[in-house]
Amino acid sequence: MKVAVLVSASLLSFSLMAQAQQTGKPEDTEVWEPAPKTVTASPNLAPPPSDAVVLFNGQNLSQWVSTDNRAAPAKWQVAGGLLTVDKKAGNIETRQVFTNYQLHLEWRIPTGMRETGQSRGNSGVFLASIGKGDLGYELQILDSYQNKTYVNGMAGSIYKQHIPLANPARKPGEWQSYDVLWTAPVFKADGSLQTPARVTVWFNGVVVQNNTVLAGPTQYIGKPSYQQAHGPSPIKLQAHGDPSAPISFRNIWVRKL
């Protein structure tokens, strides 16, 4: 019970500090140029290895819970072997927690959208969820096929921190893939940072983040920094509040490293 209280207090403290840090305007941390080179690439449609934890098998959400209430099951739609975002249900995250891992997931932007920029197929993979809502380290998902937006917020970016090295996005309606190597941050006994988080990302088989060092959890407003120590964390999928049609996922698995 004492451990649970300490963890809850830590997350509450982190949430309050993150809210306090969000001063200024979102536009202050948007970078628009230069745009990464557009390249043609094919998704990596990789079946899970024998030692993988299958997070979505096309049948159910047994490996997922609600981010806002981890005692509640995830309530996104599962049909036809696909997992589709339910924006009203909020973010979902894994039941299990992870430290360092290899992650694979496939995602698809719906066709027929009229929205532009950040309102076009917006979602995200939080490589470590460290609280309710959008707290954590976000690898952006967005329709980045001929859709102009700030480049540190396009698909393949570490949101508002690192621009992708290339833009291998495919057309809406086509499947795309992320393969991720995540190294979690390490904190000292006093809660200060010992080593920052690092990530390598392949987007449709193309390296777009190469052992990238994160400055802290991603921020919509303000500069990122490591405000609060944390341990192993769930992986989170975002139900972004934009008006576009929801995206879908399939074939999600992870290997602990």
Protein backbone atom coordinates (compact mmCIF):
# COMPACT_ATOMS: atom_id res chain seq x y z
CA MET A 1 0.00 0.00 0.00
CA LYS A 2 2.84 2.42 0.85
CA VAL A 3 4.46 1.73 -2.52
CA ALA A 4 1.19 2.48 -4.34
CA VAL A 5 0.78 5.74 -2.42
CA LEU A 6 4.34 6.80 -3.24
CA VAL A 7 3.88 6.02 -6.94
CA SER A 8 0.58 7.92 -7.05
CA ALA A 9 2.14 10.90 -5.28
CA SER A 10 5.07 10.85 -7.69
CA LEU A 11 2.79 10.85 -10.74
CA LEU A 12 0.67 13.63 -9.25
CA SER A 13 3.80 15.68 -8.61
CA PHE A 14 4.97 15.13 -12.18
CA SER A 15 1.55 16.12 -13.55
CA LEU A 16 1.49 19.34 -11.54
CA MET A 17 5.02 20.28 -12.60
CA ALA A 18 4.23 19.52 -16.25
CA GLN A 19 1.17 21.77 -16.08
CA ALA A 20 3.19 24.54 -14.48
CA GLN A 21 5.81 24.26 -17.21
CA GLN A 22 3.26 24.77 -20.00
CA THR A 23 3.53 28.53 -20.31
CA GLY A 24 3.67 30.50 -23.53
CA LYS A 25 2.19 29.52 -26.89
CA PRO A 26 2.29 26.19 -28.75
CA GLU A 27 3.68 28.02 -31.78
CA ASP A 28 6.80 28.98 -29.82
CA THR A 29 8.21 25.45 -30.19
CA GLU A 30 7.09 24.74 -33.78
CA VAL A 31 9.83 24.30 -36.41
CA TRP A 32 8.73 24.56 -40.06
CA GLU A 33 11.96 24.40 -42.05
CA PRO A 34 13.92 22.72 -43.48
CA ALA A 35 11.53 19.91 -44.43
CA PRO A 36 12.98 16.37 -44.46
CA LYS A 37 13.54 14.82 -47.89
CA THR A 38 10.60 12.79 -49.18
CA VAL A 39 11.54 9.19 -50.00
CA THR A 40 9.58 6.23 -51.35
CA ALA A 41 9.57 3.23 -49.04
CA SER A 42 7.57 0.15 -48.14
CA PRO A 43 6.35 -0.79 -44.66
CA ASN A 44 7.99 -3.55 -42.68
CA LEU A 45 5.17 -6.07 -42.20
CA ALA A 46 6.95 -8.20 -39.62
CA PRO A 47 5.23 -11.08 -37.78
CA PRO A 48 6.08 -11.31 -34.06
CA PRO A 49 9.21 -13.29 -33.13
CA SER A 50 8.80 -16.26 -30.84
CA ASP A 51 9.96 -14.31 -27.76
CA ALA A 52 7.76 -11.26 -28.37
CA VAL A 53 4.90 -10.07 -26.18
CA VAL A 54 1.99 -9.71 -28.61
CA LEU A 55 0.20 -6.52 -27.64
CA PHE A 56 -2.50 -6.74 -30.31
CA ASN A 57 -3.31 -9.99 -32.08
CA GLY A 58 -6.30 -8.75 -34.08
CA GLN A 59 -8.81 -10.31 -31.69
CA ASN A 60 -9.07 -8.39 -28.42
CA LEU A 61 -7.66 -5.72 -26.13
CA SER A 62 -6.66 -8.01 -23.28
CA GLN A 63 -3.19 -6.40 -23.16
CA TRP A 64 -4.55 -2.84 -22.86
CA VAL A 65 -6.21 -0.62 -20.25
CA SER A 66 -7.56 2.92 -20.09
CA THR A 67 -4.85 5.51 -19.42
CA ASP A 68 -7.15 7.61 -17.26
CA ASN A 69 -8.17 4.62 -15.14
CA ARG A 70 -5.80 1.67 -15.30
CA ALA A 71 -8.35 -0.47 -13.46
CA ALA A 72 -10.69 -0.11 -16.47
CA PRO A 73 -10.33 -2.06 -19.73
CA ALA A 74 -9.46 -0.26 -22.96
CA LYS A 75 -12.55 0.53 -25.03
CA TRP A 76 -11.32 1.14 -28.57
CA GLN A 77 -12.97 -0.73 -31.45
CA VAL A 78 -11.71 -4.14 -32.51
CA ALA A 79 -13.18 -5.44 -35.78
CA GLY A 80 -11.87 -7.28 -38.83
CA GLY A 81 -8.50 -7.86 -37.18
CA LEU A 82 -7.93 -4.12 -36.71
CA LEU A 83 -7.76 -1.81 -33.70
CA THR A 84 -9.38 1.58 -34.37
CA VAL A 85 -9.08 4.66 -32.16
CA ASP A 86 -12.18 5.69 -30.21
CA LYS A 87 -11.57 9.36 -29.48
CA LYS A 88 -14.35 9.55 -26.91
CA ALA A 89 -12.79 6.71 -24.90
CA GLY A 90 -9.43 8.48 -24.50
CA ASN A 91 -5.90 7.12 -24.59
CA ILE A 92 -5.07 3.48 -23.96
CA GLU A 93 -1.89 1.89 -22.64
CA THR A 94 -0.40 -1.52 -22.04
CA ARG A 95 -1.16 -3.53 -18.91
CA GLN A 96 2.51 -4.44 -18.69
CA VAL A 97 5.27 -1.94 -18.04
CA PHE A 98 8.58 -1.90 -19.88
CA THR A 99 12.06 -0.45 -19.57
CA ASN A 100 14.19 -1.07 -22.67
CA TYR A 101 12.53 -2.76 -25.62
CA GLN A 102 12.07 -3.36 -29.35
CA LEU A 103 8.60 -2.36 -30.58
CA HIS A 104 6.79 -3.03 -33.84
CA LEU A 105 3.42 -1.64 -34.88
CA GLU A 106 1.55 -1.00 -38.11
CA TRP A 107 -0.86 1.88 -38.62
CA ARG A 108 -3.13 3.25 -41.34
CA ILE A 109 -4.46 6.74 -42.00
CA PRO A 110 -8.07 6.68 -43.31
CA THR A 111 -8.88 7.99 -46.77
CA GLY A 112 -11.24 10.84 -47.63
CA MET A 113 -10.11 13.33 -44.99
CA ARG A 114 -10.47 17.04 -45.72
CA GLU A 115 -8.55 18.34 -42.73
CA THR A 116 -4.97 19.60 -43.01
CA GLY A 117 -1.89 19.94 -40.84
CA GLN A 118 -2.10 18.57 -37.31
CA SER A 119 -5.82 17.85 -37.78
CA ARG A 120 -5.15 15.13 -40.36
CA GLY A 121 -4.88 11.62 -38.91
CA ASN A 122 -3.23 12.71 -35.68
CA SER A 123 -2.27 10.10 -33.08
CA GLY A 124 0.90 9.05 -31.34
CA VAL A 125 2.87 6.29 -29.66
CA PHE A 126 4.06 7.26 -26.19
CA LEU A 127 7.15 5.14 -25.76
CA ALA A 128 6.83 5.51 -22.01
CA SER A 129 3.56 6.72 -20.51
CA ILE A 130 4.22 8.48 -17.22
CA GLY A 131 0.79 9.71 -16.23
CA LYS A 132 -2.74 10.41 -17.36
CA GLY A 133 -3.53 12.24 -20.56
CA ASP A 134 -0.62 12.93 -22.89
CA LEU A 135 2.24 12.73 -20.40
CA GLY A 136 5.20 10.75 -21.69
CA TYR A 137 7.61 10.50 -24.63
CA GLU A 138 5.69 10.73 -27.92
CA LEU A 139 6.62 9.36 -31.32
CA GLN A 140 4.21 11.27 -33.56
CA ILE A 141 1.70 9.63 -35.89
CA LEU A 142 0.19 11.89 -38.55
CA ASP A 143 -0.71 11.93 -42.23
CA SER A 144 2.56 13.34 -43.58
CA TYR A 145 1.90 12.48 -47.22
CA GLN A 146 1.71 15.85 -49.01
CA ASN A 147 0.36 17.45 -45.83
CA LYS A 148 2.30 20.51 -44.67
CA THR A 149 2.81 21.08 -40.96
CA TYR A 150 5.65 21.97 -38.61
CA VAL A 151 8.39 19.43 -39.22
CA ASN A 152 9.00 18.64 -35.55
CA GLY A 153 5.37 17.52 -35.43
CA MET A 154 5.21 15.36 -38.56
CA ALA A 155 5.12 11.56 -38.65
CA GLY A 156 8.39 10.10 -37.44
CA SER A 157 9.22 13.06 -35.21
CA ILE A 158 9.80 12.92 -31.49
CA TYR A 159 7.08 15.46 -30.93
CA LYS A 160 8.35 19.04 -30.63
CA GLN A 161 11.92 17.74 -30.06
CA HIS A 162 13.46 15.95 -33.05
CA ILE A 163 12.66 16.29 -36.75
CA PRO A 164 12.71 12.98 -38.70
CA LEU A 165 15.73 12.40 -40.94
CA ALA A 166 13.45 11.68 -43.92
CA ASN A 167 9.76 11.57 -44.86
CA PRO A 168 8.86 8.05 -46.09
CA ALA A 169 5.11 8.51 -45.45
CA ARG A 170 2.71 6.62 -47.69
CA LYS A 171 -0.71 7.69 -48.98
CA PRO A 172 -3.79 7.53 -46.73
CA GLY A 173 -5.35 4.09 -46.93
CA GLU A 174 -1.97 2.34 -47.16
CA TRP A 175 -0.39 0.53 -44.21
CA GLN A 176 2.71 1.99 -42.60
CA SER A 177 5.10 0.65 -39.98
CA TYR A 178 7.18 1.81 -37.04
CA ASP A 179 10.04 -0.25 -35.62
CA VAL A 180 11.50 1.23 -32.46
CA LEU A 181 14.47 0.60 -30.19
CA TRP A 182 13.77 2.37 -26.89
CA THR A 183 16.30 2.94 -24.13
CA ALA A 184 14.59 4.33 -21.05
CA PRO A 185 16.07 7.16 -18.97
CA VAL A 186 17.92 6.22 -15.80
CA PHE A 187 17.61 8.22 -12.61
CA LYS A 188 19.87 8.41 -9.57
CA ALA A 189 18.70 7.51 -6.08
CA ASP A 190 17.99 11.17 -5.34
CA GLY A 191 15.69 11.42 -8.40
CA SER A 192 18.08 13.40 -10.59
CA LEU A 193 18.82 12.27 -14.13
CA GLN A 194 21.72 9.87 -14.66
CA THR A 195 21.29 9.10 -18.39
CA PRO A 196 18.60 10.45 -20.76
CA ALA A 197 16.24 8.40 -22.89
CA ARG A 198 17.39 7.39 -26.38
CA VAL A 199 15.45 6.08 -29.36
CA THR A 200 16.04 4.71 -32.85
CA VAL A 201 13.05 4.61 -35.20
CA TRP A 202 12.54 2.96 -38.58
CA PHE A 203 9.52 4.43 -40.44
CA ASN A 204 8.47 2.14 -43.31
CA GLY A 205 11.94 0.61 -43.11
CA VAL A 206 13.75 3.99 -43.26
CA VAL A 207 15.75 5.27 -40.27
CA VAL A 208 14.18 8.56 -39.16
CA GLN A 209 15.61 8.74 -35.61
CA ASN A 210 19.17 7.46 -35.10
CA ASN A 211 20.02 6.82 -31.43
CA THR A 212 18.33 10.14 -30.70
CA VAL A 213 18.75 11.61 -27.21
CA LEU A 214 15.57 13.01 -25.67
CA ALA A 215 15.64 16.20 -23.62
CA GLY A 216 12.76 14.93 -21.49
CA PRO A 217 9.11 13.99 -21.91
CA THR A 218 7.48 15.65 -24.91
CA GLN A 219 5.67 18.95 -24.40
CA TYR A 220 2.92 20.65 -26.42
CA ILE A 221 3.85 23.99 -24.84
CA GLY A 222 7.28 24.87 -23.50
CA LYS A 223 10.66 23.17 -23.53
CA PRO A 224 11.08 19.53 -22.44
CA SER A 225 13.08 18.56 -19.37
CA TYR A 226 13.30 15.70 -16.89
CA GLN A 227 11.19 16.94 -14.01
CA GLN A 228 10.43 13.69 -12.19
CA ALA A 229 12.10 10.30 -11.86
CA HIS A 230 10.13 7.25 -12.98
CA GLY A 231 10.66 3.56 -13.50
CA PRO A 232 9.31 0.99 -15.98
CA SER A 233 6.31 2.42 -17.83
CA PRO A 234 3.44 1.36 -20.09
CA ILE A 235 3.38 2.03 -23.84
CA LYS A 236 0.52 4.37 -24.74
CA LEU A 237 -1.54 4.99 -27.89
CA GLN A 238 -3.11 8.40 -28.27
CA ALA A 239 -6.75 9.29 -28.98
CA HIS A 240 -6.04 12.76 -30.32
CA GLY A 241 -8.91 15.25 -30.16
CA ASP A 242 -8.74 16.52 -33.75
CA PRO A 243 -11.85 16.24 -36.00
CA SER A 244 -10.40 13.81 -38.57
CA ALA A 245 -11.50 10.20 -38.94
CA PRO A 246 -9.74 7.83 -36.50
CA ILE A 247 -6.70 5.82 -37.54
CA SER A 248 -6.30 2.05 -37.20
CA PHE A 249 -3.55 -0.26 -35.93
CA ARG A 250 -2.60 -3.91 -36.38
CA ASN A 251 0.27 -6.31 -35.59
CA ILE A 252 1.65 -4.70 -32.42
CA TRP A 253 4.34 -6.57 -30.52
CA VAL A 254 7.26 -5.82 -28.20
CA ARG A 255 10.45 -7.58 -27.13
CA LYS A 256 11.98 -6.72 -23.77
CA LEU A 257 15.70 -5.95 -23.98
